[in-house]
Amino acid sequence: FDLAAQKLGIEVAFLSELTQGRAEVRHVVVEELEALVSRMSAGLGDGAEASARQRALALFVLSVGGLAVARAARRTGMSDEVLEACLAFARDALSSQAIEG
């Protein structure tokens, strides 16, 4: 799990703060999430800004969800399979975006 998180460059520890933290903490987490999504969408090439933001959000949520499921299935073959599926899907999405762009 930790290696996968490093490969994806995603820190998922803050997610519990979105549901359990105080309003001030959630505000800071959402600001950080906005900044991350902005950086990701800027790197997603040409096209409409809203479309790049949507792709960035989708890739982020896919990554975080995949890591959460892989963590839940830790020490099983399913854990690696989930991570590999998420990475393959993200790569396909990015490469088809590059072809369309």
Protein backbone atom coordinates (compact mmCIF):
# COMPACT_ATOMS: atom_id res chain seq x y z
CA PHE A 1 0.00 0.00 0.00
CA ASP A 2 2.67 2.52 0.95
CA LEU A 3 4.62 1.89 -2.25
CA ALA A 4 1.45 2.38 -4.30
CA ALA A 5 0.74 5.66 -2.53
CA GLN A 6 4.25 6.84 -3.34
CA LYS A 7 3.89 5.81 -6.98
CA LEU A 8 0.63 7.70 -7.32
CA GLY A 9 1.88 10.66 -5.32
CA ILE A 10 -1.28 10.74 -3.26
CA GLU A 11 -1.50 11.22 0.48
CA VAL A 12 -4.83 9.78 1.61
CA ALA A 13 -4.48 10.23 5.36
CA PHE A 14 -6.28 13.55 5.25
CA LEU A 15 -9.51 12.06 3.89
CA SER A 16 -10.88 11.15 7.30
CA GLU A 17 -10.67 14.83 8.16
CA LEU A 18 -13.27 15.57 5.48
CA THR A 19 -15.90 13.59 7.35
CA GLN A 20 -14.69 13.68 10.95
CA GLY A 21 -12.77 16.90 11.35
CA ARG A 22 -13.95 20.25 12.57
CA ALA A 23 -15.24 22.74 10.02
CA GLU A 24 -11.96 24.68 10.13
CA VAL A 25 -9.97 21.53 9.37
CA ARG A 26 -12.31 20.53 6.54
CA HIS A 27 -11.92 24.01 5.06
CA VAL A 28 -8.13 23.65 4.97
CA VAL A 29 -8.36 20.13 3.51
CA VAL A 30 -10.73 21.33 0.77
CA GLU A 31 -8.36 24.22 -0.03
CA GLU A 32 -5.50 21.73 -0.40
CA LEU A 33 -7.68 19.48 -2.55
CA GLU A 34 -8.57 22.46 -4.77
CA ALA A 35 -4.87 23.27 -5.17
CA LEU A 36 -4.03 19.66 -6.04
CA VAL A 37 -6.84 19.42 -8.59
CA SER A 38 -5.77 22.74 -10.13
CA ARG A 39 -2.20 21.49 -10.53
CA MET A 40 -3.42 18.21 -11.99
CA SER A 41 -5.81 19.88 -14.44
CA ALA A 42 -3.10 22.26 -15.62
CA GLY A 43 -1.04 19.25 -16.63
CA LEU A 44 -3.84 17.57 -18.56
CA GLY A 45 -3.16 19.39 -21.80
CA ASP A 46 -5.24 21.47 -24.11
CA GLY A 47 -8.99 21.60 -24.09
CA ALA A 48 -11.70 23.21 -22.07
CA GLU A 49 -10.74 24.16 -18.54
CA ALA A 50 -13.90 22.56 -17.13
CA SER A 51 -13.11 19.32 -18.95
CA ALA A 52 -9.54 19.27 -17.61
CA ARG A 53 -10.85 19.88 -14.08
CA GLN A 54 -13.36 17.06 -14.45
CA ARG A 55 -10.63 14.67 -15.65
CA ALA A 56 -8.35 15.76 -12.81
CA LEU A 57 -11.08 15.18 -10.23
CA ALA A 58 -11.92 11.79 -11.73
CA LEU A 59 -8.29 10.68 -11.73
CA PHE A 60 -7.78 11.89 -8.17
CA VAL A 61 -10.90 10.15 -6.88
CA LEU A 62 -10.00 6.97 -8.78
CA SER A 63 -6.56 7.04 -7.21
CA VAL A 64 -7.79 7.68 -3.68
CA GLY A 65 -10.59 5.14 -3.96
CA GLY A 66 -8.25 2.55 -5.39
CA LEU A 67 -5.79 3.10 -2.57
CA ALA A 68 -8.56 2.84 0.03
CA VAL A 69 -9.83 -0.44 -1.43
CA ALA A 70 -6.29 -1.80 -1.79
CA ARG A 71 -5.62 -0.94 1.82
CA ALA A 72 -8.81 -2.71 2.91
CA ALA A 73 -7.70 -5.79 0.95
CA ARG A 74 -4.13 -5.60 2.22
CA ARG A 75 -2.17 -8.86 2.26
CA THR A 76 -4.36 -10.40 -0.44
CA GLY A 77 -3.94 -10.75 -4.17
CA MET A 78 -6.90 -8.41 -4.59
CA SER A 79 -4.90 -5.49 -3.18
CA ASP A 80 -2.33 -5.57 -5.99
CA GLU A 81 -5.01 -6.26 -8.57
CA VAL A 82 -7.00 -3.18 -7.52
CA LEU A 83 -3.91 -0.97 -7.73
CA GLU A 84 -2.91 -2.36 -11.11
CA ALA A 85 -6.46 -1.85 -12.46
CA CYS A 86 -6.55 1.77 -11.26
CA LEU A 87 -3.14 2.53 -12.73
CA ALA A 88 -4.05 0.91 -16.05
CA PHE A 89 -7.32 2.81 -16.25
CA ALA A 90 -5.63 6.12 -15.43
CA ARG A 91 -2.92 5.50 -18.03
CA ASP A 92 -5.54 4.63 -20.64
CA ALA A 93 -7.53 7.75 -19.81
CA LEU A 94 -4.46 9.94 -20.07
CA SER A 95 -3.21 8.35 -23.27
CA SER A 96 -6.61 8.59 -24.99
CA GLN A 97 -6.80 12.23 -23.89
CA ALA A 98 -3.39 12.81 -25.51
CA ILE A 99 -4.61 11.19 -28.74
CA GLU A 100 -7.78 13.32 -28.77
CA GLY A 101 -5.87 16.51 -27.87
